[in-house]
Amino acid sequence: MLGRPKFALPESLLSQWHERFRSAIAEWPVEIPVSFPRDVKDAKFLACALAADVDFLITGDHDFTEARKVGRTKIVSVSQFDELVRRTLI
């Protein structure tokens, strides 16, 4: 995703980020069926959020704007999450 043309990141920086991700991320299969008709390709992100039992799924993907919550996971934009954090810290 970082390699998308809209980000215009140089290859050297992309390589650094990929190495950071490889060293920090553990992968495992998620077998929770999730239906997300708005964009079937995005169902995997909801499944991961449910499997990890996370509080928030933070996304800039506008396909999620209609989905506000899945299970106990709240779906928020970066700016919404920032606002929640700011309110919590005050």
PDB file of N, CA and C in Angstrom:
ATOM      1  N   MET A   1       0.807  -1.188   0.000  1.00  0.00           N
ATOM      2  CA  MET A   1       0.000   0.000   0.000  1.00  0.00           C
ATOM      3  C   MET A   1       0.858   1.264   0.000  1.00  0.00           C
ATOM      4  N   LEU A   2       1.994   1.206   0.686  1.00  0.00           N
ATOM      5  CA  LEU A   2       2.870   2.377   0.691  1.00  0.00           C
ATOM      6  C   LEU A   2       3.456   2.649  -0.680  1.00  0.00           C
ATOM      7  N   GLY A   3       3.465   1.645  -1.541  1.00  0.00           N
ATOM      8  CA  GLY A   3       4.020   1.796  -2.876  1.00  0.00           C
ATOM      9  C   GLY A   3       3.069   2.429  -3.872  1.00  0.00           C
ATOM     10  N   ARG A   4       1.891   2.817  -3.422  1.00  0.00           N
ATOM     11  CA  ARG A   4       0.939   3.445  -4.340  1.00  0.00           C
ATOM     12  C   ARG A   4       1.502   4.739  -4.909  1.00  0.00           C
ATOM     13  N   PRO A   5       1.228   5.001  -6.172  1.00  0.00           N
ATOM     14  CA  PRO A   5       1.745   6.227  -6.806  1.00  0.00           C
ATOM     15  C   PRO A   5       1.359   7.504  -6.066  1.00  0.00           C
ATOM     16  N   LYS A   6       0.186   7.533  -5.442  1.00  0.00           N
ATOM     17  CA  LYS A   6      -0.247   8.768  -4.781  1.00  0.00           C
ATOM     18  C   LYS A   6       0.666   9.148  -3.618  1.00  0.00           C
ATOM     19  N   PHE A   7       1.409   8.187  -3.052  1.00  0.00           N
ATOM     20  CA  PHE A   7       2.327   8.506  -1.959  1.00  0.00           C
ATOM     21  C   PHE A   7       3.697   8.952  -2.481  1.00  0.00           C
ATOM     22  N   ALA A   8       4.054   8.535  -3.670  1.00  0.00           N
ATOM     23  CA  ALA A   8       5.309   8.932  -4.326  1.00  0.00           C
ATOM     24  C   ALA A   8       6.530   8.788  -3.417  1.00  0.00           C
ATOM     25  N   LEU A   9       6.613   7.675  -2.705  1.00  0.00           N
ATOM     26  CA  LEU A   9       7.752   7.443  -1.817  1.00  0.00           C
ATOM     27  C   LEU A   9       8.914   6.842  -2.599  1.00  0.00           C
ATOM     28  N   PRO A  10      10.128   7.282  -2.315  1.00  0.00           N
ATOM     29  CA  PRO A  10      11.283   6.718  -3.017  1.00  0.00           C
ATOM     30  C   PRO A  10      11.494   5.252  -2.621  1.00  0.00           C
ATOM     31  N   GLU A  11      12.063   4.490  -3.539  1.00  0.00           N
ATOM     32  CA  GLU A  11      12.271   3.058  -3.324  1.00  0.00           C
ATOM     33  C   GLU A  11      13.084   2.777  -2.060  1.00  0.00           C
ATOM     34  N   SER A  12      14.075   3.609  -1.768  1.00  0.00           N
ATOM     35  CA  SER A  12      14.894   3.399  -0.570  1.00  0.00           C
ATOM     36  C   SER A  12      14.058   3.498   0.705  1.00  0.00           C
ATOM     37  N   LEU A  13      13.140   4.433   0.739  1.00  0.00           N
ATOM     38  CA  LEU A  13      12.270   4.582   1.910  1.00  0.00           C
ATOM     39  C   LEU A  13      11.284   3.420   1.997  1.00  0.00           C
ATOM     40  N   LEU A  14      10.751   3.002   0.865  1.00  0.00           N
ATOM     41  CA  LEU A  14       9.853   1.844   0.847  1.00  0.00           C
ATOM     42  C   LEU A  14      10.553   0.597   1.380  1.00  0.00           C
ATOM     43  N   SER A  15      11.789   0.398   0.995  1.00  0.00           N
ATOM     44  CA  SER A  15      12.557  -0.751   1.475  1.00  0.00           C
ATOM     45  C   SER A  15      12.733  -0.698   2.982  1.00  0.00           C
ATOM     46  N   GLN A  16      13.001   0.472   3.516  1.00  0.00           N
ATOM     47  CA  GLN A  16      13.158   0.624   4.966  1.00  0.00           C
ATOM     48  C   GLN A  16      11.853   0.274   5.689  1.00  0.00           C
ATOM     49  N   TRP A  17      10.740   0.773   5.170  1.00  0.00           N
ATOM     50  CA  TRP A  17       9.448   0.479   5.797  1.00  0.00           C
ATOM     51  C   TRP A  17       9.115  -1.006   5.710  1.00  0.00           C
ATOM     52  N   HIS A  18       9.363  -1.617   4.557  1.00  0.00           N
ATOM     53  CA  HIS A  18       9.080  -3.047   4.416  1.00  0.00           C
ATOM     54  C   HIS A  18       9.903  -3.867   5.398  1.00  0.00           C
ATOM     55  N   GLU A  19      11.147  -3.498   5.611  1.00  0.00           N
ATOM     56  CA  GLU A  19      11.995  -4.207   6.572  1.00  0.00           C
ATOM     57  C   GLU A  19      11.467  -4.030   7.990  1.00  0.00           C
ATOM     58  N   ARG A  20      11.031  -2.837   8.312  1.00  0.00           N
ATOM     59  CA  ARG A  20      10.437  -2.606   9.651  1.00  0.00           C
ATOM     60  C   ARG A  20       9.189  -3.471   9.841  1.00  0.00           C
ATOM     61  N   PHE A  21       8.354  -3.513   8.826  1.00  0.00           N
ATOM     62  CA  PHE A  21       7.145  -4.322   8.929  1.00  0.00           C
ATOM     63  C   PHE A  21       7.484  -5.804   9.087  1.00  0.00           C
ATOM     64  N   ARG A  22       8.426  -6.288   8.279  1.00  0.00           N
ATOM     65  CA  ARG A  22       8.807  -7.709   8.356  1.00  0.00           C
ATOM     66  C   ARG A  22       9.327  -8.080   9.737  1.00  0.00           C
ATOM     67  N   SER A  23      10.049  -7.175  10.376  1.00  0.00           N
ATOM     68  CA  SER A  23      10.620  -7.492  11.679  1.00  0.00           C
ATOM     69  C   SER A  23       9.632  -7.313  12.828  1.00  0.00           C
ATOM     70  N   ALA A  24       8.540  -6.607  12.603  1.00  0.00           N
ATOM     71  CA  ALA A  24       7.614  -6.293  13.695  1.00  0.00           C
ATOM     72  C   ALA A  24       6.272  -7.020  13.622  1.00  0.00           C
ATOM     73  N   ILE A  25       5.998  -7.675  12.521  1.00  0.00           N
ATOM     74  CA  ILE A  25       4.669  -8.248  12.311  1.00  0.00           C
ATOM     75  C   ILE A  25       4.710  -9.764  12.336  1.00  0.00           C
ATOM     76  N   ALA A  26       3.759 -10.322  13.046  1.00  0.00           N
ATOM     77  CA  ALA A  26       3.570 -11.772  13.017  1.00  0.00           C
ATOM     78  C   ALA A  26       2.313 -12.047  12.202  1.00  0.00           C
ATOM     79  N   GLU A  27       2.380 -13.035  11.349  1.00  0.00           N
ATOM     80  CA  GLU A  27       1.226 -13.378  10.514  1.00  0.00           C
ATOM     81  C   GLU A  27       0.638 -14.705  10.959  1.00  0.00           C
ATOM     82  N   TRP A  28      -0.680 -14.790  10.926  1.00  0.00           N
ATOM     83  CA  TRP A  28      -1.358 -16.051  11.161  1.00  0.00           C
ATOM     84  C   TRP A  28      -2.689 -16.004  10.438  1.00  0.00           C
ATOM     85  N   PRO A  29      -3.202 -17.168  10.072  1.00  0.00           N
ATOM     86  CA  PRO A  29      -4.464 -17.198   9.333  1.00  0.00           C
ATOM     87  C   PRO A  29      -5.638 -16.800  10.224  1.00  0.00           C
ATOM     88  N   VAL A  30      -6.566 -16.092   9.640  1.00  0.00           N
ATOM     89  CA  VAL A  30      -7.792 -15.696  10.340  1.00  0.00           C
ATOM     90  C   VAL A  30      -8.942 -16.377   9.624  1.00  0.00           C
ATOM     91  N   GLU A  31      -9.687 -17.130  10.378  1.00  0.00           N
ATOM     92  CA  GLU A  31     -10.770 -17.895   9.760  1.00  0.00           C
ATOM     93  C   GLU A  31     -12.123 -17.493  10.321  1.00  0.00           C
ATOM     94  N   ILE A  32     -12.356 -16.201  10.387  1.00  0.00           N
ATOM     95  CA  ILE A  32     -13.646 -15.672  10.823  1.00  0.00           C
ATOM     96  C   ILE A  32     -14.365 -15.168   9.582  1.00  0.00           C
ATOM     97  N   PRO A  33     -15.499 -15.792   9.256  1.00  0.00           N
ATOM     98  CA  PRO A  33     -16.215 -15.317   8.062  1.00  0.00           C
ATOM     99  C   PRO A  33     -16.876 -13.956   8.324  1.00  0.00           C
ATOM    100  N   VAL A  34     -16.615 -13.021   7.447  1.00  0.00           N
ATOM    101  CA  VAL A  34     -17.196 -11.686   7.560  1.00  0.00           C
ATOM    102  C   VAL A  34     -17.758 -11.308   6.205  1.00  0.00           C
ATOM    103  N   SER A  35     -18.978 -10.836   6.214  1.00  0.00           N
ATOM    104  CA  SER A  35     -19.597 -10.365   4.981  1.00  0.00           C
ATOM    105  C   SER A  35     -19.506  -8.847   4.953  1.00  0.00           C
ATOM    106  N   PHE A  36     -18.928  -8.321   3.893  1.00  0.00           N
ATOM    107  CA  PHE A  36     -18.833  -6.874   3.713  1.00  0.00           C
ATOM    108  C   PHE A  36     -19.100  -6.577   2.247  1.00  0.00           C
ATOM    109  N   PRO A  37     -20.390  -6.551   1.871  1.00  0.00           N
ATOM    110  CA  PRO A  37     -20.760  -6.401   0.467  1.00  0.00           C
ATOM    111  C   PRO A  37     -20.274  -5.107  -0.183  1.00  0.00           C
ATOM    112  N   ARG A  38     -20.077  -4.068   0.593  1.00  0.00           N
ATOM    113  CA  ARG A  38     -19.658  -2.777   0.017  1.00  0.00           C
ATOM    114  C   ARG A  38     -18.334  -2.922  -0.753  1.00  0.00           C
ATOM    115  N   ASP A  39     -17.397  -3.705  -0.192  1.00  0.00           N
ATOM    116  CA  ASP A  39     -16.136  -4.003  -0.877  1.00  0.00           C
ATOM    117  C   ASP A  39     -15.613  -5.327  -0.322  1.00  0.00           C
ATOM    118  N   VAL A  40     -15.866  -6.394  -1.039  1.00  0.00           N
ATOM    119  CA  VAL A  40     -15.539  -7.748  -0.593  1.00  0.00           C
ATOM    120  C   VAL A  40     -14.057  -7.871  -0.221  1.00  0.00           C
ATOM    121  N   LYS A  41     -13.189  -7.135  -0.915  1.00  0.00           N
ATOM    122  CA  LYS A  41     -11.751  -7.198  -0.621  1.00  0.00           C
ATOM    123  C   LYS A  41     -11.426  -6.663   0.772  1.00  0.00           C
ATOM    124  N   ASP A  42     -12.300  -5.851   1.343  1.00  0.00           N
ATOM    125  CA  ASP A  42     -12.045  -5.262   2.661  1.00  0.00           C
ATOM    126  C   ASP A  42     -12.535  -6.135   3.809  1.00  0.00           C
ATOM    127  N   ALA A  43     -13.270  -7.195   3.513  1.00  0.00           N
ATOM    128  CA  ALA A  43     -13.778  -8.068   4.570  1.00  0.00           C
ATOM    129  C   ALA A  43     -12.641  -8.642   5.406  1.00  0.00           C
ATOM    130  N   LYS A  44     -11.473  -8.876   4.800  1.00  0.00           N
ATOM    131  CA  LYS A  44     -10.340  -9.446   5.529  1.00  0.00           C
ATOM    132  C   LYS A  44      -9.875  -8.527   6.656  1.00  0.00           C
ATOM    133  N   PHE A  45      -9.997  -7.217   6.477  1.00  0.00           N
ATOM    134  CA  PHE A  45      -9.585  -6.290   7.531  1.00  0.00           C
ATOM    135  C   PHE A  45     -10.546  -6.347   8.712  1.00  0.00           C
ATOM    136  N   LEU A  46     -11.827  -6.481   8.415  1.00  0.00           N
ATOM    137  CA  LEU A  46     -12.799  -6.648   9.488  1.00  0.00           C
ATOM    138  C   LEU A  46     -12.576  -7.962  10.222  1.00  0.00           C
ATOM    139  N   ALA A  47     -12.281  -9.022   9.476  1.00  0.00           N
ATOM    140  CA  ALA A  47     -12.020 -10.327  10.087  1.00  0.00           C
ATOM    141  C   ALA A  47     -10.807 -10.255  11.015  1.00  0.00           C
ATOM    142  N   CYS A  48      -9.762  -9.582  10.591  1.00  0.00           N
ATOM    143  CA  CYS A  48      -8.561  -9.427  11.432  1.00  0.00           C
ATOM    144  C   CYS A  48      -8.884  -8.642  12.704  1.00  0.00           C
ATOM    145  N   ALA A  49      -9.653  -7.579  12.561  1.00  0.00           N
ATOM    146  CA  ALA A  49     -10.024  -6.772  13.727  1.00  0.00           C
ATOM    147  C   ALA A  49     -10.836  -7.602  14.717  1.00  0.00           C
ATOM    148  N   LEU A  50     -11.747  -8.415  14.209  1.00  0.00           N
ATOM    149  CA  LEU A  50     -12.551  -9.267  15.083  1.00  0.00           C
ATOM    150  C   LEU A  50     -11.694 -10.349  15.739  1.00  0.00           C
ATOM    151  N   ALA A  51     -10.811 -10.953  14.989  1.00  0.00           N
ATOM    152  CA  ALA A  51      -9.952 -12.014  15.533  1.00  0.00           C
ATOM    153  C   ALA A  51      -9.032 -11.475  16.626  1.00  0.00           C
ATOM    154  N   ALA A  52      -8.559 -10.258  16.453  1.00  0.00           N
ATOM    155  CA  ALA A  52      -7.658  -9.649  17.433  1.00  0.00           C
ATOM    156  C   ALA A  52      -8.427  -8.985  18.574  1.00  0.00           C
ATOM    157  N   ASP A  53      -9.751  -8.920  18.445  1.00  0.00           N
ATOM    158  CA  ASP A  53     -10.616  -8.316  19.458  1.00  0.00           C
ATOM    159  C   ASP A  53     -10.172  -6.888  19.789  1.00  0.00           C
ATOM    160  N   VAL A  54      -9.938  -6.101  18.741  1.00  0.00           N
ATOM    161  CA  VAL A  54      -9.457  -4.733  18.922  1.00  0.00           C
ATOM    162  C   VAL A  54     -10.602  -3.776  19.235  1.00  0.00           C
ATOM    163  N   ASP A  55     -10.255  -2.693  19.880  1.00  0.00           N
ATOM    164  CA  ASP A  55     -11.241  -1.662  20.196  1.00  0.00           C
ATOM    165  C   ASP A  55     -11.594  -0.829  18.967  1.00  0.00           C
ATOM    166  N   PHE A  56     -10.571  -0.545  18.144  1.00  0.00           N
ATOM    167  CA  PHE A  56     -10.761   0.330  16.991  1.00  0.00           C
ATOM    168  C   PHE A  56     -10.106  -0.233  15.745  1.00  0.00           C
ATOM    169  N   LEU A  57     -10.769  -0.027  14.617  1.00  0.00           N
ATOM    170  CA  LEU A  57     -10.181  -0.223  13.293  1.00  0.00           C
ATOM    171  C   LEU A  57     -10.088   1.183  12.712  1.00  0.00           C
ATOM    172  N   ILE A  58      -8.865   1.666  12.546  1.00  0.00           N
ATOM    173  CA  ILE A  58      -8.629   3.029  12.076  1.00  0.00           C
ATOM    174  C   ILE A  58      -8.337   2.952  10.586  1.00  0.00           C
ATOM    175  N   THR A  59      -9.136   3.651   9.792  1.00  0.00           N
ATOM    176  CA  THR A  59      -9.001   3.541   8.345  1.00  0.00           C
ATOM    177  C   THR A  59      -9.349   4.856   7.652  1.00  0.00           C
ATOM    178  N   GLY A  60      -8.743   5.043   6.511  1.00  0.00           N
ATOM    179  CA  GLY A  60      -9.082   6.174   5.651  1.00  0.00           C
ATOM    180  C   GLY A  60      -9.888   5.723   4.453  1.00  0.00           C
ATOM    181  N   ASP A  61     -10.203   4.430   4.402  1.00  0.00           N
ATOM    182  CA  ASP A  61     -10.957   3.847   3.291  1.00  0.00           C
ATOM    183  C   ASP A  61     -12.426   4.240   3.417  1.00  0.00           C
ATOM    184  N   HIS A  62     -12.914   4.954   2.426  1.00  0.00           N
ATOM    185  CA  HIS A  62     -14.291   5.457   2.479  1.00  0.00           C
ATOM    186  C   HIS A  62     -15.342   4.354   2.360  1.00  0.00           C
ATOM    187  N   ASP A  63     -14.939   3.146   1.985  1.00  0.00           N
ATOM    188  CA  ASP A  63     -15.898   2.044   1.959  1.00  0.00           C
ATOM    189  C   ASP A  63     -16.403   1.713   3.357  1.00  0.00           C
ATOM    190  N   PHE A  64     -15.652   2.102   4.375  1.00  0.00           N
ATOM    191  CA  PHE A  64     -16.042   1.791   5.749  1.00  0.00           C
ATOM    192  C   PHE A  64     -16.913   2.867   6.386  1.00  0.00           C
ATOM    193  N   THR A  65     -17.221   3.936   5.679  1.00  0.00           N
ATOM    194  CA  THR A  65     -17.957   5.038   6.300  1.00  0.00           C
ATOM    195  C   THR A  65     -19.340   4.634   6.785  1.00  0.00           C
ATOM    196  N   GLU A  66     -19.968   3.684   6.126  1.00  0.00           N
ATOM    197  CA  GLU A  66     -21.295   3.242   6.559  1.00  0.00           C
ATOM    198  C   GLU A  66     -21.226   2.264   7.726  1.00  0.00           C
ATOM    199  N   ALA A  67     -20.148   1.530   7.821  1.00  0.00           N
ATOM    200  CA  ALA A  67     -19.979   0.569   8.905  1.00  0.00           C
ATOM    201  C   ALA A  67     -19.344   1.294  10.083  1.00  0.00           C
ATOM    202  N   ARG A  68     -20.057   1.445  11.140  1.00  0.00           N
ATOM    203  CA  ARG A  68     -19.549   2.170  12.305  1.00  0.00           C
ATOM    204  C   ARG A  68     -18.983   1.225  13.364  1.00  0.00           C
ATOM    205  N   LYS A  69     -19.483  -0.016  13.363  1.00  0.00           N
ATOM    206  CA  LYS A  69     -19.071  -0.955  14.396  1.00  0.00           C
ATOM    207  C   LYS A  69     -19.288  -2.378  13.899  1.00  0.00           C
ATOM    208  N   VAL A  70     -18.332  -3.248  14.188  1.00  0.00           N
ATOM    209  CA  VAL A  70     -18.461  -4.668  13.881  1.00  0.00           C
ATOM    210  C   VAL A  70     -18.071  -5.407  15.152  1.00  0.00           C
ATOM    211  N   GLY A  71     -19.010  -6.167  15.701  1.00  0.00           N
ATOM    212  CA  GLY A  71     -18.746  -6.759  17.007  1.00  0.00           C
ATOM    213  C   GLY A  71     -18.564  -5.626  17.995  1.00  0.00           C
ATOM    214  N   ARG A  72     -17.478  -5.680  18.765  1.00  0.00           N
ATOM    215  CA  ARG A  72     -17.199  -4.570  19.692  1.00  0.00           C
ATOM    216  C   ARG A  72     -16.214  -3.569  19.100  1.00  0.00           C
ATOM    217  N   THR A  73     -15.748  -3.830  17.874  1.00  0.00           N
ATOM    218  CA  THR A  73     -14.761  -2.992  17.216  1.00  0.00           C
ATOM    219  C   THR A  73     -15.426  -1.785  16.555  1.00  0.00           C
ATOM    220  N   LYS A  74     -15.012  -0.591  16.981  1.00  0.00           N
ATOM    221  CA  LYS A  74     -15.514   0.637  16.378  1.00  0.00           C
ATOM    222  C   LYS A  74     -14.640   0.986  15.183  1.00  0.00           C
ATOM    223  N   ILE A  75     -15.272   1.366  14.086  1.00  0.00           N
ATOM    224  CA  ILE A  75     -14.557   1.733  12.864  1.00  0.00           C
ATOM    225  C   ILE A  75     -14.540   3.252  12.783  1.00  0.00           C
ATOM    226  N   VAL A  76     -13.329   3.810  12.796  1.00  0.00           N
ATOM    227  CA  VAL A  76     -13.177   5.263  12.825  1.00  0.00           C
ATOM    228  C   VAL A  76     -12.119   5.717  11.832  1.00  0.00           C
ATOM    229  N   SER A  77     -12.209   6.975  11.452  1.00  0.00           N
ATOM    230  CA  SER A  77     -11.181   7.580  10.603  1.00  0.00           C
ATOM    231  C   SER A  77     -10.017   8.016  11.487  1.00  0.00           C
ATOM    232  N   VAL A  78      -8.921   8.380  10.866  1.00  0.00           N
ATOM    233  CA  VAL A  78      -7.762   8.859  11.610  1.00  0.00           C
ATOM    234  C   VAL A  78      -8.143  10.092  12.422  1.00  0.00           C
ATOM    235  N   SER A  79      -8.874  11.012  11.809  1.00  0.00           N
ATOM    236  CA  SER A  79      -9.245  12.243  12.512  1.00  0.00           C
ATOM    237  C   SER A  79     -10.207  11.944  13.678  1.00  0.00           C
ATOM    238  N   GLN A  80     -11.124  11.001  13.498  1.00  0.00           N
ATOM    239  CA  GLN A  80     -12.014  10.626  14.602  1.00  0.00           C
ATOM    240  C   GLN A  80     -11.221  10.019  15.753  1.00  0.00           C
ATOM    241  N   PHE A  81     -10.257   9.152  15.422  1.00  0.00           N
ATOM    242  CA  PHE A  81      -9.443   8.534  16.459  1.00  0.00           C
ATOM    243  C   PHE A  81      -8.607   9.591  17.171  1.00  0.00           C
ATOM    244  N   ASP A  82      -8.049  10.530  16.413  1.00  0.00           N
ATOM    245  CA  ASP A  82      -7.272  11.608  16.999  1.00  0.00           C
ATOM    246  C   ASP A  82      -8.118  12.398  17.991  1.00  0.00           C
ATOM    247  N   GLU A  83      -9.346  12.686  17.610  1.00  0.00           N
ATOM    248  CA  GLU A  83     -10.258  13.422  18.492  1.00  0.00           C
ATOM    249  C   GLU A  83     -10.545  12.626  19.764  1.00  0.00           C
ATOM    250  N   LEU A  84     -10.774  11.328  19.638  1.00  0.00           N
ATOM    251  CA  LEU A  84     -11.005  10.481  20.817  1.00  0.00           C
ATOM    252  C   LEU A  84      -9.807  10.504  21.759  1.00  0.00           C
ATOM    253  N   VAL A  85      -8.621  10.414  21.197  1.00  0.00           N
ATOM    254  CA  VAL A  85      -7.402  10.427  22.010  1.00  0.00           C
ATOM    255  C   VAL A  85      -7.259  11.782  22.702  1.00  0.00           C
ATOM    256  N   ARG A  86      -7.500  12.849  21.979  1.00  0.00           N
ATOM    257  CA  ARG A  86      -7.375  14.192  22.553  1.00  0.00           C
ATOM    258  C   ARG A  86      -8.369  14.390  23.703  1.00  0.00           C
ATOM    259  N   ARG A  87      -9.592  13.920  23.528  1.00  0.00           N
ATOM    260  CA  ARG A  87     -10.601  14.046  24.594  1.00  0.00           C
ATOM    261  C   ARG A  87     -10.210  13.225  25.814  1.00  0.00           C
ATOM    262  N   THR A  88      -9.594  12.083  25.585  1.00  0.00           N
ATOM    263  CA  THR A  88      -9.198  11.202  26.680  1.00  0.00           C
ATOM    264  C   THR A  88      -8.044  11.821  27.472  1.00  0.00           C
ATOM    265  N   LEU A  89      -7.152  12.530  26.790  1.00  0.00           N
ATOM    266  CA  LEU A  89      -5.985  13.101  27.441  1.00  0.00           C
ATOM    267  C   LEU A  89      -6.280  14.404  28.172  1.00  0.00           C
ATOM    268  N   ILE A  90      -7.404  15.017  27.880  1.00  0.00           N
ATOM    269  CA  ILE A  90      -7.744  16.311  28.508  1.00  0.00           C
ATOM    270  C   ILE A  90      -8.345  16.094  29.869  1.00  0.00           C
TER     271      ILE A  90
END
